[in-house]
Amino acid sequence: MKLRHHYILYPLLVLTFFTSCKRENKPQVKPLDPKDAAYVHQLSQALTEVIVYDVFAPPVSSRIYAYTHLALYEALRLELKAPSMAEKINGLGKMPQPKLDVALNYPLVAAQAFLEVSKKLVFSDSMLQRLTAPIFAQIEAQEMGVEVQKASIEYGNQLAEAIALRIQVDNYKQTRGMSRYSPQRLPGTWEPTPPEYMDAAEPHWGKILPWTLQRSDQFKPVDPTPFSTDQQSLFFKEMLYVYETQQKLTEEQKAIASFWDDNPFIIHNEGHLNYATKKVSPGGHWMGIARLTCEMTKADPLKTSKTYALTAIALADGFISCWDEKYQTHYIRPETAIQALMDPKWRPLIQTPPFPEYTSGHSVISGAASSILTKIYGENFKYTDTVLEQYGMPTRKFASFKSAAREASISRLYGGIHFLPALENGVKQGEAVGEWVWKKLGAY
């Protein structure tokens, strides 16, 4: 107090006092190492947390991942003059170029572009800003100067605005106003399933502008097995196969079904109590696998952002391809068929998701994502999947990405929510999508 009352007499002491206080109270932020991809992973993880919190449907989540990670890649590629993906994507063109006479901090450009695009796509943008604030603090702790910082943020905003132009024309907003899906009420067609009998999710997703595909049905699978009540028919045999598989599941098969469930919003009914749990969607799971792979290989920021962007775009095109087929065939779920034709009390091991059966979404997007990761990291890349540990799930080991995709696919049979053709044909469909995305964007 004496020092404060006589501050005019002791200017040097006062300056020293307040400077030392400021140093003691201000948290120390370690400057970013631009060659370390940790900040890229942290940005992606922050977005995943928000996607889980906001409970987006799996196709919608894939759209968010694709836009945001494309923005990240387009920023980081400039430093090493890597090719643009954006100019090869439907509905996009050349990105704005930075001024030649202005130095940029590319991690800051990338983080700013990522954040601004994300804010246009999620609900909880304040949560996203809170989660990413420490990342920005670490980046800005580098010695870059005010002009570089200002220019980097400005250019990040320009990239975000350029990519956001596609957000306005990809038909997403138009699908929000389209009519609700009405079940056809015909034999062999989809109907809402327990426990909540939810409306069909994203019935118009096949109308979303594809990222690289020439059209939504470019890789249309063979038709599903015709529905029949004849006990000698192929459909009845496929239905019986689901039923009998469920009757004799091993503990390992149950674990596989649970591991790959990836239902972002599970409804639990316990007596009179209803509650829900949240976790990553199928696309979020594969984005997590991409992260693990980059971390294992110590991929640099550019390769990491390329991995994320290609995986996300393959997932996005995979969902468009799959959802186009789902709402063309309107195929019945095992739960509905078995209860009607075999056993009224039968229930699948995992909760049936609210959309038609054919093809299997998890099979398609797993085929697509695994194809991309295999192209980048090789056929026999061994890894331990720890993505779901934060949701209380155990880890699983895989000998390759494609073996993981096959397990993800067959898990839907073990879970009782798909017939076998939807799985086998779904993986083929997804692999074709992944190969196409790689041909268009990744093979350079």
Protein backbone atom coordinates (compact mmCIF):
# COMPACT_ATOMS: atom_id res chain seq x y z
CA MET A 1 0.00 0.00 0.00
CA LYS A 2 2.86 2.41 0.77
CA LEU A 3 4.28 1.80 -2.67
CA ARG A 4 0.92 2.54 -4.27
CA HIS A 5 0.50 5.83 -2.32
CA HIS A 6 3.91 7.12 -3.35
CA TYR A 7 4.02 5.83 -6.90
CA ILE A 8 5.17 9.21 -8.27
CA LEU A 9 8.27 9.04 -6.11
CA TYR A 10 9.18 5.54 -7.12
CA PRO A 11 8.42 5.05 -10.82
CA LEU A 12 11.15 2.46 -11.34
CA LEU A 13 10.04 0.39 -8.35
CA VAL A 14 6.43 0.52 -9.45
CA LEU A 15 7.33 -0.59 -12.96
CA THR A 16 9.38 -3.46 -11.60
CA PHE A 17 6.59 -4.45 -9.20
CA PHE A 18 3.83 -4.59 -11.80
CA THR A 19 6.04 -6.22 -14.41
CA SER A 20 6.94 -9.01 -11.99
CA CYS A 21 3.26 -9.45 -11.06
CA LYS A 22 2.32 -9.70 -14.71
CA ARG A 23 4.95 -12.36 -15.29
CA GLU A 24 3.77 -14.35 -12.30
CA ASN A 25 0.07 -14.24 -13.31
CA LYS A 26 0.37 -14.77 -17.03
CA PRO A 27 0.45 -18.44 -18.00
CA GLN A 28 3.54 -19.45 -19.88
CA VAL A 29 2.76 -20.63 -23.43
CA LYS A 30 5.34 -22.71 -25.22
CA PRO A 31 5.90 -21.41 -28.76
CA LEU A 32 4.74 -23.70 -31.53
CA ASP A 33 7.21 -25.84 -33.45
CA PRO A 34 5.95 -25.37 -37.05
CA LYS A 35 7.37 -28.75 -38.05
CA ASP A 36 5.33 -30.57 -35.38
CA ALA A 37 1.81 -31.59 -36.50
CA ALA A 38 0.45 -31.61 -32.94
CA TYR A 39 -1.54 -28.42 -33.52
CA VAL A 40 -3.20 -29.94 -36.61
CA HIS A 41 -4.37 -32.88 -34.51
CA GLN A 42 -5.53 -30.58 -31.73
CA LEU A 43 -7.65 -28.55 -34.15
CA SER A 44 -9.24 -31.70 -35.54
CA GLN A 45 -9.88 -33.10 -32.07
CA ALA A 46 -11.51 -29.86 -30.94
CA LEU A 47 -13.86 -30.02 -33.93
CA THR A 48 -14.74 -33.65 -33.18
CA GLU A 49 -15.65 -32.71 -29.60
CA VAL A 50 -18.04 -30.07 -30.91
CA ILE A 51 -19.54 -32.44 -33.50
CA VAL A 52 -20.21 -35.01 -30.77
CA TYR A 53 -21.68 -32.33 -28.51
CA ASP A 54 -23.94 -30.96 -31.26
CA VAL A 55 -25.13 -34.50 -32.24
CA PHE A 56 -24.90 -34.20 -36.01
CA ALA A 57 -26.14 -37.10 -38.12
CA PRO A 58 -23.25 -39.12 -39.63
CA PRO A 59 -23.65 -37.73 -43.19
CA VAL A 60 -23.74 -34.17 -41.87
CA SER A 61 -20.63 -34.80 -39.79
CA SER A 62 -18.78 -35.96 -42.91
CA ARG A 63 -19.65 -32.68 -44.65
CA ILE A 64 -18.23 -30.70 -41.72
CA TYR A 65 -15.00 -32.71 -41.67
CA ALA A 66 -14.52 -32.30 -45.43
CA TYR A 67 -14.89 -28.52 -45.54
CA THR A 68 -12.77 -27.81 -42.48
CA HIS A 69 -9.90 -30.12 -43.33
CA LEU A 70 -9.84 -28.95 -46.92
CA ALA A 71 -9.36 -25.41 -45.56
CA LEU A 72 -6.52 -26.62 -43.36
CA TYR A 73 -4.76 -28.35 -46.24
CA GLU A 74 -5.19 -25.43 -48.64
CA ALA A 75 -3.44 -23.18 -46.12
CA LEU A 76 -0.53 -25.47 -45.31
CA ARG A 77 0.16 -26.59 -48.87
CA LEU A 78 1.23 -23.08 -49.90
CA GLU A 79 4.41 -23.05 -47.84
CA LEU A 80 5.80 -26.05 -49.75
CA LYS A 81 3.93 -25.27 -52.98
CA ALA A 82 2.02 -28.57 -52.94
CA PRO A 83 -0.88 -28.98 -55.41
CA SER A 84 -4.31 -27.61 -54.57
CA MET A 85 -7.19 -29.99 -53.95
CA ALA A 86 -9.83 -27.27 -54.02
CA GLU A 87 -9.47 -26.50 -57.71
CA LYS A 88 -10.27 -30.16 -58.53
CA ILE A 89 -13.40 -30.32 -56.38
CA ASN A 90 -16.90 -29.90 -57.77
CA GLY A 91 -18.19 -26.41 -57.04
CA LEU A 92 -14.80 -24.91 -56.19
CA GLY A 93 -12.02 -23.31 -58.18
CA LYS A 94 -8.69 -21.66 -57.59
CA MET A 95 -8.12 -20.37 -54.10
CA PRO A 96 -7.08 -16.75 -53.46
CA GLN A 97 -3.31 -16.36 -53.54
CA PRO A 98 -1.36 -14.53 -50.82
CA LYS A 99 0.38 -11.27 -51.61
CA LEU A 100 3.93 -11.86 -52.73
CA ASP A 101 5.38 -9.04 -50.64
CA VAL A 102 3.84 -10.16 -47.33
CA ALA A 103 5.31 -12.84 -45.06
CA LEU A 104 2.87 -15.33 -43.56
CA ASN A 105 2.82 -17.68 -40.61
CA TYR A 106 1.24 -20.74 -42.21
CA PRO A 107 0.13 -22.50 -39.01
CA LEU A 108 -1.77 -19.34 -38.11
CA VAL A 109 -3.27 -19.11 -41.61
CA ALA A 110 -4.37 -22.74 -41.33
CA ALA A 111 -5.81 -22.42 -37.84
CA GLN A 112 -7.72 -19.27 -38.78
CA ALA A 113 -9.13 -20.79 -41.99
CA PHE A 114 -10.09 -23.97 -40.10
CA LEU A 115 -11.82 -22.04 -37.33
CA GLU A 116 -13.75 -19.71 -39.63
CA VAL A 117 -15.01 -22.54 -41.84
CA SER A 118 -15.93 -24.60 -38.77
CA LYS A 119 -17.97 -21.73 -37.32
CA LYS A 120 -20.12 -21.72 -40.45
CA LEU A 121 -20.98 -25.40 -40.00
CA VAL A 122 -21.41 -26.19 -36.29
CA PHE A 123 -23.94 -24.95 -33.75
CA SER A 124 -21.64 -24.51 -30.74
CA ASP A 125 -19.13 -22.09 -32.26
CA SER A 126 -18.39 -20.52 -28.87
CA MET A 127 -17.36 -23.96 -27.57
CA LEU A 128 -15.11 -24.40 -30.59
CA GLN A 129 -13.46 -21.04 -29.99
CA ARG A 130 -12.85 -21.97 -26.36
CA LEU A 131 -11.31 -25.32 -27.30
CA THR A 132 -9.07 -23.83 -29.98
CA ALA A 133 -7.95 -20.78 -27.97
CA PRO A 134 -4.92 -22.59 -26.45
CA ILE A 135 -3.84 -23.66 -29.95
CA PHE A 136 -3.94 -20.08 -31.20
CA ALA A 137 -2.04 -18.95 -28.11
CA GLN A 138 0.70 -21.47 -28.84
CA ILE A 139 0.93 -20.40 -32.49
CA GLU A 140 0.94 -16.71 -31.64
CA ALA A 141 3.68 -17.24 -29.04
CA GLN A 142 6.11 -17.55 -31.94
CA GLU A 143 8.11 -14.48 -32.81
CA MET A 144 6.27 -13.39 -35.95
CA GLY A 145 5.63 -9.68 -35.52
CA VAL A 146 2.35 -7.79 -35.63
CA GLU A 147 2.30 -7.38 -39.42
CA VAL A 148 2.85 -11.10 -40.06
CA GLN A 149 0.17 -12.00 -37.53
CA LYS A 150 -2.30 -9.57 -39.06
CA ALA A 151 -1.57 -10.73 -42.62
CA SER A 152 -1.85 -14.40 -41.65
CA ILE A 153 -5.24 -13.95 -40.02
CA GLU A 154 -6.46 -11.91 -42.97
CA TYR A 155 -5.35 -14.53 -45.50
CA GLY A 156 -6.84 -17.34 -43.39
CA ASN A 157 -10.15 -15.48 -43.52
CA GLN A 158 -9.86 -15.14 -47.31
CA LEU A 159 -9.33 -18.88 -47.70
CA ALA A 160 -12.28 -19.57 -45.43
CA GLU A 161 -14.55 -17.27 -47.43
CA ALA A 162 -13.48 -18.87 -50.71
CA ILE A 163 -14.25 -22.36 -49.42
CA ALA A 164 -17.47 -21.15 -47.81
CA LEU A 165 -18.77 -20.19 -51.27
CA ARG A 166 -19.29 -23.89 -51.89
CA ILE A 167 -21.24 -24.22 -48.65
CA GLN A 168 -23.86 -21.95 -50.22
CA VAL A 169 -24.25 -24.03 -53.40
CA ASP A 170 -23.82 -27.66 -52.27
CA ASN A 171 -27.61 -28.07 -51.86
CA TYR A 172 -27.44 -28.60 -48.10
CA LYS A 173 -29.64 -25.61 -47.30
CA GLN A 174 -32.13 -26.68 -49.93
CA THR A 175 -32.41 -30.16 -48.45
CA ARG A 176 -33.32 -28.63 -45.08
CA GLY A 177 -36.55 -27.38 -46.60
CA MET A 178 -37.48 -30.51 -48.55
CA SER A 179 -40.40 -32.70 -47.52
CA ARG A 180 -40.09 -35.19 -44.69
CA TYR A 181 -39.69 -38.80 -45.66
CA SER A 182 -42.88 -40.86 -45.64
CA PRO A 183 -42.38 -44.63 -45.36
CA GLN A 184 -43.78 -46.39 -48.43
CA ARG A 185 -45.73 -48.94 -46.38
CA LEU A 186 -45.08 -51.57 -49.05
CA PRO A 187 -43.85 -55.13 -48.40
CA GLY A 188 -40.08 -55.19 -47.99
CA THR A 189 -39.65 -51.45 -47.45
CA TRP A 190 -38.19 -49.55 -44.53
CA GLU A 191 -40.24 -48.62 -41.47
CA PRO A 192 -39.19 -46.74 -38.30
CA THR A 193 -37.75 -49.03 -35.63
CA PRO A 194 -37.66 -49.17 -31.81
CA PRO A 195 -37.03 -47.77 -29.31
CA GLU A 196 -38.03 -44.28 -30.45
CA TYR A 197 -39.37 -45.00 -33.98
CA MET A 198 -37.44 -41.99 -35.25
CA ASP A 199 -38.03 -40.40 -38.63
CA ALA A 200 -35.70 -41.40 -41.45
CA ALA A 201 -32.43 -39.46 -41.20
CA GLU A 202 -31.30 -37.28 -44.10
CA PRO A 203 -33.61 -38.70 -46.81
CA HIS A 204 -32.37 -36.15 -49.37
CA TRP A 205 -28.63 -36.56 -48.77
CA GLY A 206 -28.17 -38.13 -52.19
CA LYS A 207 -28.97 -34.69 -53.64
CA ILE A 208 -25.97 -33.06 -51.92
CA LEU A 209 -23.33 -31.90 -54.41
CA PRO A 210 -20.63 -34.61 -54.50
CA TRP A 211 -17.04 -33.57 -53.83
CA THR A 212 -15.34 -35.55 -56.57
CA LEU A 213 -17.97 -37.94 -57.93
CA GLN A 214 -19.48 -37.14 -61.31
CA ARG A 215 -22.91 -37.97 -59.88
CA SER A 216 -24.28 -39.49 -56.69
CA ASP A 217 -24.97 -42.89 -58.27
CA GLN A 218 -21.64 -43.15 -60.10
CA PHE A 219 -20.77 -46.31 -58.15
CA LYS A 220 -24.25 -47.73 -57.78
CA PRO A 221 -24.10 -51.27 -56.33
CA VAL A 222 -26.03 -54.25 -57.61
CA ASP A 223 -29.66 -54.35 -56.51
CA PRO A 224 -30.51 -55.90 -53.14
CA THR A 225 -32.16 -59.30 -52.91
CA PRO A 226 -35.87 -59.06 -53.78
CA PHE A 227 -38.08 -59.21 -50.70
CA SER A 228 -40.11 -62.41 -50.32
CA THR A 229 -42.11 -64.20 -47.65
CA ASP A 230 -41.41 -67.55 -49.31
CA GLN A 231 -39.35 -69.63 -46.91
CA GLN A 232 -37.39 -71.06 -49.85
CA SER A 233 -36.47 -67.63 -51.21
CA LEU A 234 -33.02 -66.08 -51.08
CA PHE A 235 -34.36 -63.20 -48.98
CA PHE A 236 -35.74 -65.56 -46.36
CA LYS A 237 -32.39 -67.36 -46.22
CA GLU A 238 -30.56 -64.06 -45.72
CA MET A 239 -32.99 -63.10 -42.97
CA LEU A 240 -32.56 -66.50 -41.32
CA TYR A 241 -28.79 -66.03 -41.48
CA VAL A 242 -29.04 -62.80 -39.45
CA TYR A 243 -31.37 -64.47 -36.97
CA GLU A 244 -29.18 -67.54 -36.49
CA THR A 245 -26.00 -65.49 -36.27
CA GLN A 246 -27.53 -63.53 -33.40
CA GLN A 247 -28.50 -66.75 -31.64
CA LYS A 248 -24.91 -67.99 -31.43
CA LEU A 249 -22.74 -64.89 -31.13
CA THR A 250 -19.38 -65.39 -29.48
CA GLU A 251 -18.06 -62.92 -26.94
CA GLU A 252 -15.57 -61.74 -29.56
CA GLN A 253 -18.35 -61.07 -32.07
CA LYS A 254 -20.31 -59.13 -29.46
CA ALA A 255 -17.21 -57.08 -28.73
CA ILE A 256 -16.77 -56.34 -32.44
CA ALA A 257 -20.40 -55.24 -32.77
CA SER A 258 -20.06 -52.95 -29.78
CA PHE A 259 -16.70 -51.54 -30.85
CA TRP A 260 -17.93 -50.48 -34.30
CA ASP A 261 -21.41 -49.39 -33.19
CA ASP A 262 -20.43 -45.71 -33.55
CA ASN A 263 -23.99 -44.54 -32.97
CA PRO A 264 -23.62 -40.81 -32.18
CA PHE A 265 -26.85 -40.72 -30.16
CA ILE A 266 -27.95 -43.94 -28.46
CA ILE A 267 -31.33 -43.97 -26.71
CA HIS A 268 -31.46 -46.04 -23.50
CA ASN A 269 -34.73 -47.24 -22.00
CA GLU A 270 -34.58 -48.49 -18.41
CA GLY A 271 -38.05 -48.87 -16.96
CA HIS A 272 -39.60 -45.42 -16.96
CA LEU A 273 -36.21 -43.75 -17.46
CA ASN A 274 -35.07 -42.66 -20.93
CA TYR A 275 -31.65 -41.16 -21.53
CA ALA A 276 -29.11 -40.85 -24.32
CA THR A 277 -25.35 -41.16 -24.67
CA LYS A 278 -23.16 -39.41 -27.24
CA LYS A 279 -20.01 -40.53 -29.01
CA VAL A 280 -18.28 -40.28 -32.37
CA SER A 281 -20.07 -41.18 -35.59
CA PRO A 282 -18.61 -43.72 -38.07
CA GLY A 283 -16.90 -40.88 -39.92
CA GLY A 284 -15.51 -39.49 -36.69
CA HIS A 285 -14.10 -42.91 -35.86
CA TRP A 286 -12.21 -43.05 -39.17
CA MET A 287 -10.96 -39.49 -38.75
CA GLY A 288 -9.61 -40.68 -35.41
CA ILE A 289 -7.87 -43.59 -37.14
CA ALA A 290 -6.31 -41.08 -39.55
CA ARG A 291 -5.01 -39.15 -36.54
CA LEU A 292 -3.50 -42.25 -34.94
CA THR A 293 -1.79 -43.12 -38.21
CA CYS A 294 -0.26 -39.68 -38.62
CA GLU A 295 0.94 -39.70 -35.02
CA MET A 296 2.46 -43.17 -35.35
CA THR A 297 4.39 -42.20 -38.48
CA LYS A 298 5.30 -38.75 -37.14
CA ALA A 299 3.85 -37.22 -40.30
CA ASP A 300 4.67 -33.55 -40.81
CA PRO A 301 1.88 -30.94 -40.81
CA LEU A 302 1.41 -31.00 -44.61
CA LYS A 303 1.17 -34.80 -44.85
CA THR A 304 -1.10 -34.82 -41.81
CA SER A 305 -3.44 -32.25 -43.31
CA LYS A 306 -3.42 -34.12 -46.62
CA THR A 307 -4.33 -37.35 -44.81
CA TYR A 308 -7.19 -35.67 -42.98
CA ALA A 309 -8.52 -33.89 -46.07
CA LEU A 310 -8.47 -36.95 -48.35
CA THR A 311 -10.00 -39.17 -45.67
CA ALA A 312 -12.73 -36.61 -44.97
CA ILE A 313 -13.58 -36.11 -48.64
CA ALA A 314 -13.72 -39.88 -49.21
CA LEU A 315 -16.07 -40.16 -46.24
CA ALA A 316 -18.23 -37.32 -47.57
CA ASP A 317 -18.52 -38.79 -51.06
CA GLY A 318 -19.06 -42.22 -49.53
CA PHE A 319 -22.06 -40.99 -47.54
CA ILE A 320 -23.55 -39.28 -50.60
CA SER A 321 -23.13 -42.45 -52.67
CA CYS A 322 -24.56 -44.67 -49.94
CA TRP A 323 -27.48 -42.42 -49.01
CA ASP A 324 -28.47 -42.09 -52.66
CA GLU A 325 -28.80 -45.88 -52.78
CA LYS A 326 -30.61 -46.12 -49.44
CA TYR A 327 -33.41 -43.83 -50.55
CA GLN A 328 -33.66 -45.42 -53.98
CA THR A 329 -34.18 -48.93 -52.64
CA HIS A 330 -36.01 -48.10 -49.35
CA TYR A 331 -34.95 -51.56 -48.14
CA ILE A 332 -36.35 -53.20 -45.03
CA ARG A 333 -34.27 -53.66 -41.87
CA PRO A 334 -33.71 -57.11 -40.31
CA GLU A 335 -35.48 -55.99 -37.14
CA THR A 336 -38.69 -55.24 -39.04
CA ALA A 337 -38.55 -58.35 -41.21
CA ILE A 338 -37.67 -60.84 -38.47
CA GLN A 339 -40.34 -59.52 -36.11
CA ALA A 340 -42.96 -59.71 -38.86
CA LEU A 341 -42.02 -63.07 -40.37
CA MET A 342 -40.19 -65.08 -37.72
CA ASP A 343 -40.09 -63.86 -34.13
CA PRO A 344 -42.13 -60.88 -32.84
CA LYS A 345 -39.95 -60.62 -29.72
CA TRP A 346 -36.60 -60.55 -31.54
CA ARG A 347 -34.29 -57.59 -30.95
CA PRO A 348 -30.90 -56.82 -32.52
CA LEU A 349 -27.82 -56.62 -30.34
CA ILE A 350 -27.29 -52.93 -31.14
CA GLN A 351 -29.81 -50.21 -31.86
CA THR A 352 -31.05 -50.06 -35.45
CA PRO A 353 -30.25 -46.64 -36.94
CA PRO A 354 -33.12 -44.64 -38.46
CA PHE A 355 -32.73 -45.05 -42.22
CA PRO A 356 -33.15 -47.77 -44.89
CA GLU A 357 -30.89 -50.81 -44.86
CA TYR A 358 -29.22 -51.06 -48.28
CA THR A 359 -26.32 -50.46 -48.53
CA SER A 360 -24.59 -50.41 -45.16
CA GLY A 361 -23.32 -46.91 -44.42
CA HIS A 362 -20.52 -48.15 -42.19
CA SER A 363 -19.40 -50.59 -44.87
CA VAL A 364 -19.35 -47.93 -47.58
CA ILE A 365 -17.49 -45.26 -45.65
CA SER A 366 -15.07 -47.78 -44.11
CA GLY A 367 -14.26 -49.04 -47.59
CA ALA A 368 -13.71 -45.47 -48.77
CA ALA A 369 -11.57 -44.31 -45.83
CA SER A 370 -9.50 -47.50 -45.70
CA SER A 371 -8.72 -47.17 -49.41
CA ILE A 372 -7.34 -43.67 -48.91
CA LEU A 373 -5.27 -44.56 -45.85
CA THR A 374 -3.91 -47.64 -47.62
CA LYS A 375 -2.83 -45.52 -50.59
CA ILE A 376 -0.92 -43.15 -48.30
CA TYR A 377 0.50 -45.54 -45.66
CA GLY A 378 0.62 -48.95 -47.31
CA GLU A 379 -1.21 -52.29 -47.50
CA ASN A 380 0.04 -53.80 -44.24
CA PHE A 381 0.00 -50.90 -41.82
CA LYS A 382 -0.45 -52.35 -38.32
CA TYR A 383 -2.04 -50.16 -35.67
CA THR A 384 -3.95 -50.23 -32.41
CA ASP A 385 -7.26 -48.38 -32.52
CA THR A 386 -7.50 -46.28 -29.36
CA VAL A 387 -10.04 -43.79 -30.73
CA LEU A 388 -12.88 -44.92 -28.47
CA GLU A 389 -10.97 -45.12 -25.18
CA GLN A 390 -12.41 -41.77 -24.07
CA TYR A 391 -15.89 -43.30 -24.41
CA GLY A 392 -15.01 -46.26 -22.22
CA MET A 393 -14.32 -48.73 -25.02
CA PRO A 394 -11.34 -51.10 -25.16
CA THR A 395 -8.71 -50.92 -27.88
CA ARG A 396 -8.45 -53.26 -30.86
CA LYS A 397 -5.46 -54.21 -33.01
CA PHE A 398 -5.53 -54.40 -36.81
CA ALA A 399 -3.09 -55.71 -39.39
CA SER A 400 -4.21 -53.22 -42.03
CA PHE A 401 -6.78 -50.53 -42.75
CA LYS A 402 -8.70 -52.86 -45.05
CA SER A 403 -8.91 -55.54 -42.37
CA ALA A 404 -10.35 -52.89 -40.06
CA ALA A 405 -12.87 -51.94 -42.75
CA ARG A 406 -13.92 -55.56 -43.17
CA GLU A 407 -14.38 -55.91 -39.43
CA ALA A 408 -16.38 -52.67 -39.29
CA SER A 409 -18.60 -54.05 -42.04
CA ILE A 410 -19.24 -57.51 -40.56
CA SER A 411 -19.91 -55.89 -37.19
CA ARG A 412 -23.27 -54.79 -38.59
CA LEU A 413 -24.23 -58.44 -39.09
CA TYR A 414 -23.16 -59.26 -35.54
CA GLY A 415 -25.14 -56.26 -34.36
CA GLY A 416 -28.23 -57.56 -36.15
CA ILE A 417 -28.91 -54.42 -38.15
CA HIS A 418 -27.91 -55.49 -41.71
CA PHE A 419 -28.27 -58.35 -44.14
CA LEU A 420 -25.07 -59.75 -45.63
CA PRO A 421 -25.41 -58.28 -49.18
CA ALA A 422 -25.55 -54.73 -47.78
CA LEU A 423 -22.18 -55.36 -46.15
CA GLU A 424 -20.37 -57.09 -49.00
CA ASN A 425 -21.68 -54.77 -51.69
CA GLY A 426 -21.27 -51.75 -49.42
CA VAL A 427 -17.53 -52.33 -48.96
CA LYS A 428 -17.09 -52.66 -52.75
CA GLN A 429 -19.06 -49.46 -53.26
CA GLY A 430 -16.94 -47.61 -50.71
CA GLU A 431 -13.65 -48.89 -52.09
CA ALA A 432 -14.67 -47.69 -55.56
CA VAL A 433 -15.41 -44.25 -54.09
CA GLY A 434 -12.07 -44.18 -52.27
CA GLU A 435 -10.15 -45.17 -55.38
CA TRP A 436 -11.91 -42.41 -57.32
CA VAL A 437 -11.13 -39.76 -54.70
CA TRP A 438 -7.48 -40.82 -54.72
CA LYS A 439 -7.33 -40.66 -58.51
CA LYS A 440 -8.87 -37.18 -58.54
CA LEU A 441 -7.08 -35.59 -55.57
CA GLY A 442 -4.39 -37.71 -54.01
CA ALA A 443 -2.25 -39.24 -56.75
CA TYR A 444 0.45 -36.60 -57.14
